[in-house]
Amino acid sequence: MPRDAGGAGDVLRDLRTATAVEHEQVETTLGLMDHDLDADRLAGVLGLLHAFWRAAEEGLDAWAAAHPADAAALQWDRRRRAGVYAADLAALGADPADGDRPALPAVPDTDAALGRMYVLEGSTLGGTFIDRHLASLPGLAGGPRLRAFSPYGEDTGAMWAAFRRFTRAHVEGGGDAGRVVAAARSTFADLAGWCAPAARPQGAPA
């Protein structure tokens, strides 16, 4: 989940700086770039992410219903990804169960929506690197093509740029940058806590 490059003095820079610790914690916990990652552990990670995305998108769907113009401008329908995680799990022969999922805060406005989406959308930026890494692992090479890490394909850069433009314009137009950042930090913290079962003790095999 590579960090946004940011920009001096704007909300994207503030988001990147304020969430750096939580971001690192999530990356370390998931271990998607581990050299000894195997199919079983990958399926476990995908299962946790699927459950988290379902909960996160439920809140964003409620926001989109209340703020349809903002949702349309952000192409929210195209950004939904829980179904892609479910398809990847099925491709790995795992059950995309509709069981437990985290209890996340409601998304009352576009400030909160942008903070949550910063976490979800930022996770697409390094998808090609994750895909390439997975394809190189002995236990995963030649397996099914997963889509959750790079759902937009060649449009990844364009989709992220559109999110950045909207976020900056929203804050410049009167949005609350502090609330956007707080929502992003809360989302990262919730994601780290939910994915904690995926963490391995130091030195333990995958």
C-alpha atoms as a PDB file:
ATOM      1  CA  MET A   1       0.000   0.000   0.000  1.00  0.00           C
ATOM      2  CA  PRO A   2       2.443   2.679  -1.169  1.00  0.00           C
ATOM      3  CA  ARG A   3       2.117   6.145   0.240  1.00  0.00           C
ATOM      4  CA  ASP A   4       0.876   9.101  -1.734  1.00  0.00           C
ATOM      5  CA  ALA A   5       3.678  11.326  -2.941  1.00  0.00           C
ATOM      6  CA  GLY A   6       1.801  14.231  -1.422  1.00  0.00           C
ATOM      7  CA  GLY A   7       2.330  17.885  -2.148  1.00  0.00           C
ATOM      8  CA  ALA A   8       3.725  20.723  -0.088  1.00  0.00           C
ATOM      9  CA  GLY A   9       1.140  22.353   2.139  1.00  0.00           C
ATOM     10  CA  ASP A  10      -1.976  20.472   1.061  1.00  0.00           C
ATOM     11  CA  VAL A  11      -4.374  17.928   2.473  1.00  0.00           C
ATOM     12  CA  LEU A  12      -2.736  15.011   0.614  1.00  0.00           C
ATOM     13  CA  ARG A  13       0.583  15.811   2.266  1.00  0.00           C
ATOM     14  CA  ASP A  14      -1.160  16.046   5.630  1.00  0.00           C
ATOM     15  CA  LEU A  15      -2.835  12.682   5.066  1.00  0.00           C
ATOM     16  CA  ARG A  16       0.426  10.993   4.129  1.00  0.00           C
ATOM     17  CA  THR A  17       2.293  12.416   7.127  1.00  0.00           C
ATOM     18  CA  ALA A  18      -0.433  11.854   9.702  1.00  0.00           C
ATOM     19  CA  THR A  19      -1.052   8.213   8.762  1.00  0.00           C
ATOM     20  CA  ALA A  20       2.570   7.105   8.271  1.00  0.00           C
ATOM     21  CA  VAL A  21       2.766   5.027  11.471  1.00  0.00           C
ATOM     22  CA  GLU A  22      -0.586   3.306  10.960  1.00  0.00           C
ATOM     23  CA  HIS A  23       0.277   2.702   7.307  1.00  0.00           C
ATOM     24  CA  GLU A  24       3.517   0.970   8.205  1.00  0.00           C
ATOM     25  CA  GLN A  25       1.729  -1.152  10.805  1.00  0.00           C
ATOM     26  CA  VAL A  26      -0.790  -2.413   8.244  1.00  0.00           C
ATOM     27  CA  GLU A  27       1.888  -3.210   5.656  1.00  0.00           C
ATOM     28  CA  THR A  28       3.952  -5.138   8.199  1.00  0.00           C
ATOM     29  CA  THR A  29       0.948  -7.041   9.514  1.00  0.00           C
ATOM     30  CA  LEU A  30      -0.293  -8.141   6.090  1.00  0.00           C
ATOM     31  CA  GLY A  31       3.157  -9.151   4.836  1.00  0.00           C
ATOM     32  CA  LEU A  32       2.037  -9.300   1.223  1.00  0.00           C
ATOM     33  CA  MET A  33       5.611  -8.786   0.029  1.00  0.00           C
ATOM     34  CA  ASP A  34       7.012 -11.613   2.162  1.00  0.00           C
ATOM     35  CA  HIS A  35       9.199 -14.010   0.175  1.00  0.00           C
ATOM     36  CA  ASP A  36       7.746 -17.013   1.989  1.00  0.00           C
ATOM     37  CA  LEU A  37       4.089 -16.082   1.533  1.00  0.00           C
ATOM     38  CA  ASP A  38       2.060 -19.129   0.491  1.00  0.00           C
ATOM     39  CA  ALA A  39      -1.429 -19.656  -0.893  1.00  0.00           C
ATOM     40  CA  ASP A  40      -3.005 -20.521   2.463  1.00  0.00           C
ATOM     41  CA  ARG A  41      -1.685 -17.409   4.164  1.00  0.00           C
ATOM     42  CA  LEU A  42      -2.609 -15.263   1.157  1.00  0.00           C
ATOM     43  CA  ALA A  43      -6.170 -16.598   1.324  1.00  0.00           C
ATOM     44  CA  GLY A  44      -6.274 -15.751   5.028  1.00  0.00           C
ATOM     45  CA  VAL A  45      -5.169 -12.188   4.344  1.00  0.00           C
ATOM     46  CA  LEU A  46      -7.679 -11.825   1.514  1.00  0.00           C
ATOM     47  CA  GLY A  47     -10.436 -13.093   3.782  1.00  0.00           C
ATOM     48  CA  LEU A  48      -9.660 -10.411   6.365  1.00  0.00           C
ATOM     49  CA  LEU A  49      -9.497  -7.710   3.698  1.00  0.00           C
ATOM     50  CA  HIS A  50     -12.761  -8.882   2.152  1.00  0.00           C
ATOM     51  CA  ALA A  51     -14.546  -8.576   5.495  1.00  0.00           C
ATOM     52  CA  PHE A  52     -13.037  -5.153   6.134  1.00  0.00           C
ATOM     53  CA  TRP A  53     -13.942  -3.846   2.690  1.00  0.00           C
ATOM     54  CA  ARG A  54     -17.527  -5.070   3.103  1.00  0.00           C
ATOM     55  CA  ALA A  55     -17.860  -3.085   6.321  1.00  0.00           C
ATOM     56  CA  ALA A  56     -16.065  -0.035   4.949  1.00  0.00           C
ATOM     57  CA  GLU A  57     -18.160   0.017   1.793  1.00  0.00           C
ATOM     58  CA  GLU A  58     -21.406  -0.365   3.703  1.00  0.00           C
ATOM     59  CA  GLY A  59     -20.683   2.943   5.432  1.00  0.00           C
ATOM     60  CA  LEU A  60     -19.654   4.561   2.172  1.00  0.00           C
ATOM     61  CA  ASP A  61     -22.785   3.287   0.434  1.00  0.00           C
ATOM     62  CA  ALA A  62     -24.871   5.066   3.081  1.00  0.00           C
ATOM     63  CA  TRP A  63     -22.833   8.238   2.512  1.00  0.00           C
ATOM     64  CA  ALA A  64     -23.280   7.922  -1.265  1.00  0.00           C
ATOM     65  CA  ALA A  65     -27.052   7.677  -0.872  1.00  0.00           C
ATOM     66  CA  ALA A  66     -27.061  10.871   1.179  1.00  0.00           C
ATOM     67  CA  HIS A  67     -24.519  12.740  -0.996  1.00  0.00           C
ATOM     68  CA  PRO A  68     -25.138  11.474  -4.530  1.00  0.00           C
ATOM     69  CA  ALA A  69     -23.431  14.364  -6.314  1.00  0.00           C
ATOM     70  CA  ASP A  70     -20.145  13.856  -4.457  1.00  0.00           C
ATOM     71  CA  ALA A  71     -20.396  10.079  -4.899  1.00  0.00           C
ATOM     72  CA  ALA A  72     -20.917  10.473  -8.641  1.00  0.00           C
ATOM     73  CA  ALA A  73     -18.018  12.920  -8.953  1.00  0.00           C
ATOM     74  CA  LEU A  74     -15.772  10.395  -7.212  1.00  0.00           C
ATOM     75  CA  GLN A  75     -17.079   7.487  -9.331  1.00  0.00           C
ATOM     76  CA  TRP A  76     -17.919   5.644  -6.137  1.00  0.00           C
ATOM     77  CA  ASP A  77     -19.672   2.778  -7.926  1.00  0.00           C
ATOM     78  CA  ARG A  78     -16.476   1.990  -9.820  1.00  0.00           C
ATOM     79  CA  ARG A  79     -14.365   2.116  -6.665  1.00  0.00           C
ATOM     80  CA  ARG A  80     -16.281  -0.560  -4.752  1.00  0.00           C
ATOM     81  CA  ARG A  81     -14.029  -3.604  -4.309  1.00  0.00           C
ATOM     82  CA  ALA A  82     -15.528  -6.081  -1.832  1.00  0.00           C
ATOM     83  CA  GLY A  83     -16.851  -8.173  -4.724  1.00  0.00           C
ATOM     84  CA  VAL A  84     -13.378  -8.311  -6.272  1.00  0.00           C
ATOM     85  CA  TYR A  85     -11.949  -9.682  -3.029  1.00  0.00           C
ATOM     86  CA  ALA A  86     -14.697 -12.286  -2.967  1.00  0.00           C
ATOM     87  CA  ALA A  87     -13.887 -13.335  -6.541  1.00  0.00           C
ATOM     88  CA  ASP A  88     -10.185 -13.630  -5.716  1.00  0.00           C
ATOM     89  CA  LEU A  89     -10.949 -15.804  -2.705  1.00  0.00           C
ATOM     90  CA  ALA A  90     -13.100 -18.081  -4.847  1.00  0.00           C
ATOM     91  CA  ALA A  91     -10.299 -18.287  -7.428  1.00  0.00           C
ATOM     92  CA  LEU A  92      -7.959 -19.490  -4.676  1.00  0.00           C
ATOM     93  CA  GLY A  93     -10.474 -22.122  -3.625  1.00  0.00           C
ATOM     94  CA  ALA A  94     -11.326 -20.297  -0.402  1.00  0.00           C
ATOM     95  CA  ASP A  95     -14.763 -19.445   0.915  1.00  0.00           C
ATOM     96  CA  PRO A  96     -15.610 -15.715   0.689  1.00  0.00           C
ATOM     97  CA  ALA A  97     -17.757 -16.098   3.791  1.00  0.00           C
ATOM     98  CA  ASP A  98     -20.249 -13.435   4.793  1.00  0.00           C
ATOM     99  CA  GLY A  99     -19.444 -13.881   8.469  1.00  0.00           C
ATOM    100  CA  ASP A 100     -17.821 -11.548  10.967  1.00  0.00           C
ATOM    101  CA  ARG A 101     -16.697  -8.106   9.932  1.00  0.00           C
ATOM    102  CA  PRO A 102     -15.480  -5.090  11.888  1.00  0.00           C
ATOM    103  CA  ALA A 103     -17.818  -2.531  13.394  1.00  0.00           C
ATOM    104  CA  LEU A 104     -16.732   0.716  11.749  1.00  0.00           C
ATOM    105  CA  PRO A 105     -17.932   4.256  12.432  1.00  0.00           C
ATOM    106  CA  ALA A 106     -20.694   5.710  10.300  1.00  0.00           C
ATOM    107  CA  VAL A 107     -19.719   8.007   7.419  1.00  0.00           C
ATOM    108  CA  PRO A 108     -21.853  11.099   8.007  1.00  0.00           C
ATOM    109  CA  ASP A 109     -20.387  13.438   5.402  1.00  0.00           C
ATOM    110  CA  THR A 110     -17.882  13.831   2.588  1.00  0.00           C
ATOM    111  CA  ASP A 111     -15.016  14.741   4.946  1.00  0.00           C
ATOM    112  CA  ALA A 112     -15.362  11.343   6.609  1.00  0.00           C
ATOM    113  CA  ALA A 113     -15.869   9.597   3.272  1.00  0.00           C
ATOM    114  CA  LEU A 114     -12.660  11.029   1.837  1.00  0.00           C
ATOM    115  CA  GLY A 115     -10.670   9.964   4.884  1.00  0.00           C
ATOM    116  CA  ARG A 116     -11.934   6.408   4.613  1.00  0.00           C
ATOM    117  CA  MET A 117     -11.462   6.320   0.862  1.00  0.00           C
ATOM    118  CA  TYR A 118      -7.890   7.580   1.187  1.00  0.00           C
ATOM    119  CA  VAL A 119      -7.055   4.280   2.873  1.00  0.00           C
ATOM    120  CA  LEU A 120      -9.054   2.111   0.482  1.00  0.00           C
ATOM    121  CA  GLU A 121      -7.915   3.861  -2.683  1.00  0.00           C
ATOM    122  CA  GLY A 122      -4.295   4.198  -1.613  1.00  0.00           C
ATOM    123  CA  SER A 123      -4.091   0.425  -1.435  1.00  0.00           C
ATOM    124  CA  THR A 124      -4.368   0.233  -5.239  1.00  0.00           C
ATOM    125  CA  LEU A 125      -1.187   2.191  -5.921  1.00  0.00           C
ATOM    126  CA  GLY A 126       1.261  -0.643  -5.417  1.00  0.00           C
ATOM    127  CA  GLY A 127      -0.970  -3.337  -6.799  1.00  0.00           C
ATOM    128  CA  THR A 128       1.240  -4.047  -9.788  1.00  0.00           C
ATOM    129  CA  PHE A 129       4.218  -4.588  -7.479  1.00  0.00           C
ATOM    130  CA  ILE A 130       2.207  -6.960  -5.294  1.00  0.00           C
ATOM    131  CA  ASP A 131       0.912  -8.809  -8.360  1.00  0.00           C
ATOM    132  CA  ARG A 132       4.442  -9.179  -9.727  1.00  0.00           C
ATOM    133  CA  HIS A 133       5.708 -10.410  -6.373  1.00  0.00           C
ATOM    134  CA  LEU A 134       2.924 -12.976  -6.005  1.00  0.00           C
ATOM    135  CA  ALA A 135       3.581 -14.279  -9.506  1.00  0.00           C
ATOM    136  CA  SER A 136       7.220 -14.884  -8.569  1.00  0.00           C
ATOM    137  CA  LEU A 137       6.553 -17.034  -5.503  1.00  0.00           C
ATOM    138  CA  PRO A 138       6.942 -20.819  -5.968  1.00  0.00           C
ATOM    139  CA  GLY A 139       3.643 -21.614  -4.287  1.00  0.00           C
ATOM    140  CA  LEU A 140       1.689 -19.012  -6.226  1.00  0.00           C
ATOM    141  CA  ALA A 141       3.327 -18.783  -9.647  1.00  0.00           C
ATOM    142  CA  GLY A 142       1.022 -19.971 -12.386  1.00  0.00           C
ATOM    143  CA  GLY A 143      -2.008 -19.614 -10.145  1.00  0.00           C
ATOM    144  CA  PRO A 144      -5.136 -17.579 -10.797  1.00  0.00           C
ATOM    145  CA  ARG A 145      -4.805 -13.924 -11.736  1.00  0.00           C
ATOM    146  CA  LEU A 146      -5.917 -11.905  -8.723  1.00  0.00           C
ATOM    147  CA  ARG A 147      -7.587  -8.527  -9.264  1.00  0.00           C
ATOM    148  CA  ALA A 148      -8.114  -7.039  -5.810  1.00  0.00           C
ATOM    149  CA  PHE A 149      -4.670  -5.464  -5.601  1.00  0.00           C
ATOM    150  CA  SER A 150      -4.899  -3.689  -8.971  1.00  0.00           C
ATOM    151  CA  PRO A 151      -8.614  -3.478  -9.745  1.00  0.00           C
ATOM    152  CA  TYR A 152      -8.316  -0.567 -12.168  1.00  0.00           C
ATOM    153  CA  GLY A 153      -5.566  -2.017 -14.343  1.00  0.00           C
ATOM    154  CA  GLU A 154      -4.126   0.662 -16.614  1.00  0.00           C
ATOM    155  CA  ASP A 155      -6.511   3.226 -15.106  1.00  0.00           C
ATOM    156  CA  THR A 156      -4.931   3.033 -11.628  1.00  0.00           C
ATOM    157  CA  GLY A 157      -3.025   6.288 -11.989  1.00  0.00           C
ATOM    158  CA  ALA A 158      -6.000   8.116 -13.437  1.00  0.00           C
ATOM    159  CA  MET A 159      -8.329   6.914 -10.686  1.00  0.00           C
ATOM    160  CA  TRP A 160      -5.901   7.997  -7.961  1.00  0.00           C
ATOM    161  CA  ALA A 161      -5.342  11.376  -9.639  1.00  0.00           C
ATOM    162  CA  ALA A 162      -9.108  11.926  -9.785  1.00  0.00           C
ATOM    163  CA  PHE A 163      -9.409  11.136  -6.079  1.00  0.00           C
ATOM    164  CA  ARG A 164      -6.597  13.561  -5.265  1.00  0.00           C
ATOM    165  CA  ARG A 165      -8.163  16.340  -7.341  1.00  0.00           C
ATOM    166  CA  PHE A 166     -11.566  15.911  -5.727  1.00  0.00           C
ATOM    167  CA  THR A 167     -10.088  15.810  -2.216  1.00  0.00           C
ATOM    168  CA  ARG A 168      -8.088  18.986  -2.726  1.00  0.00           C
ATOM    169  CA  ALA A 169     -11.040  20.770  -4.330  1.00  0.00           C
ATOM    170  CA  HIS A 170     -13.357  19.678  -1.524  1.00  0.00           C
ATOM    171  CA  VAL A 171     -11.047  21.070   1.153  1.00  0.00           C
ATOM    172  CA  GLU A 172     -10.394  24.265  -0.789  1.00  0.00           C
ATOM    173  CA  GLY A 173     -14.157  24.671  -1.141  1.00  0.00           C
ATOM    174  CA  GLY A 174     -14.775  24.569   2.603  1.00  0.00           C
ATOM    175  CA  GLY A 175     -14.241  20.946   3.621  1.00  0.00           C
ATOM    176  CA  ASP A 176     -12.513  20.247   6.922  1.00  0.00           C
ATOM    177  CA  ALA A 177      -9.008  18.878   6.313  1.00  0.00           C
ATOM    178  CA  GLY A 178      -8.661  17.929   9.977  1.00  0.00           C
ATOM    179  CA  ARG A 179     -11.748  15.740   9.815  1.00  0.00           C
ATOM    180  CA  VAL A 180     -10.541  14.101   6.586  1.00  0.00           C
ATOM    181  CA  VAL A 181      -7.228  13.262   8.254  1.00  0.00           C
ATOM    182  CA  ALA A 182      -8.930  12.024  11.435  1.00  0.00           C
ATOM    183  CA  ALA A 183     -11.160   9.694   9.416  1.00  0.00           C
ATOM    184  CA  ALA A 184      -8.144   8.309   7.550  1.00  0.00           C
ATOM    185  CA  ARG A 185      -6.259   7.658  10.784  1.00  0.00           C
ATOM    186  CA  SER A 186      -9.305   5.977  12.296  1.00  0.00           C
ATOM    187  CA  THR A 187      -9.719   3.777   9.210  1.00  0.00           C
ATOM    188  CA  PHE A 188      -6.064   2.757   9.232  1.00  0.00           C
ATOM    189  CA  ALA A 189      -6.261   1.953  12.955  1.00  0.00           C
ATOM    190  CA  ASP A 190      -9.397  -0.138  12.441  1.00  0.00           C
ATOM    191  CA  LEU A 191      -7.772  -1.945   9.508  1.00  0.00           C
ATOM    192  CA  ALA A 192      -4.639  -2.685  11.520  1.00  0.00           C
ATOM    193  CA  GLY A 193      -6.669  -4.038  14.419  1.00  0.00           C
ATOM    194  CA  TRP A 194      -8.883  -6.157  12.184  1.00  0.00           C
ATOM    195  CA  CYS A 195      -5.916  -7.637  10.319  1.00  0.00           C
ATOM    196  CA  ALA A 196      -3.883  -8.356  13.458  1.00  0.00           C
ATOM    197  CA  PRO A 197      -4.642 -12.127  13.199  1.00  0.00           C
ATOM    198  CA  ALA A 198      -2.630 -12.177   9.960  1.00  0.00           C
ATOM    199  CA  ALA A 199       0.543 -11.088  11.721  1.00  0.00           C
ATOM    200  CA  ARG A 200       3.194 -13.748  12.259  1.00  0.00           C
ATOM    201  CA  PRO A 201       5.608 -13.857  15.199  1.00  0.00           C
ATOM    202  CA  GLN A 202       9.026 -12.582  14.229  1.00  0.00           C
ATOM    203  CA  GLY A 203      10.925 -15.318  12.440  1.00  0.00           C
ATOM    204  CA  ALA A 204       7.928 -17.642  12.105  1.00  0.00           C
ATOM    205  CA  PRO A 205       7.425 -19.393   8.746  1.00  0.00           C
ATOM    206  CA  ALA A 206       4.543 -18.342   6.499  1.00  0.00           C
END
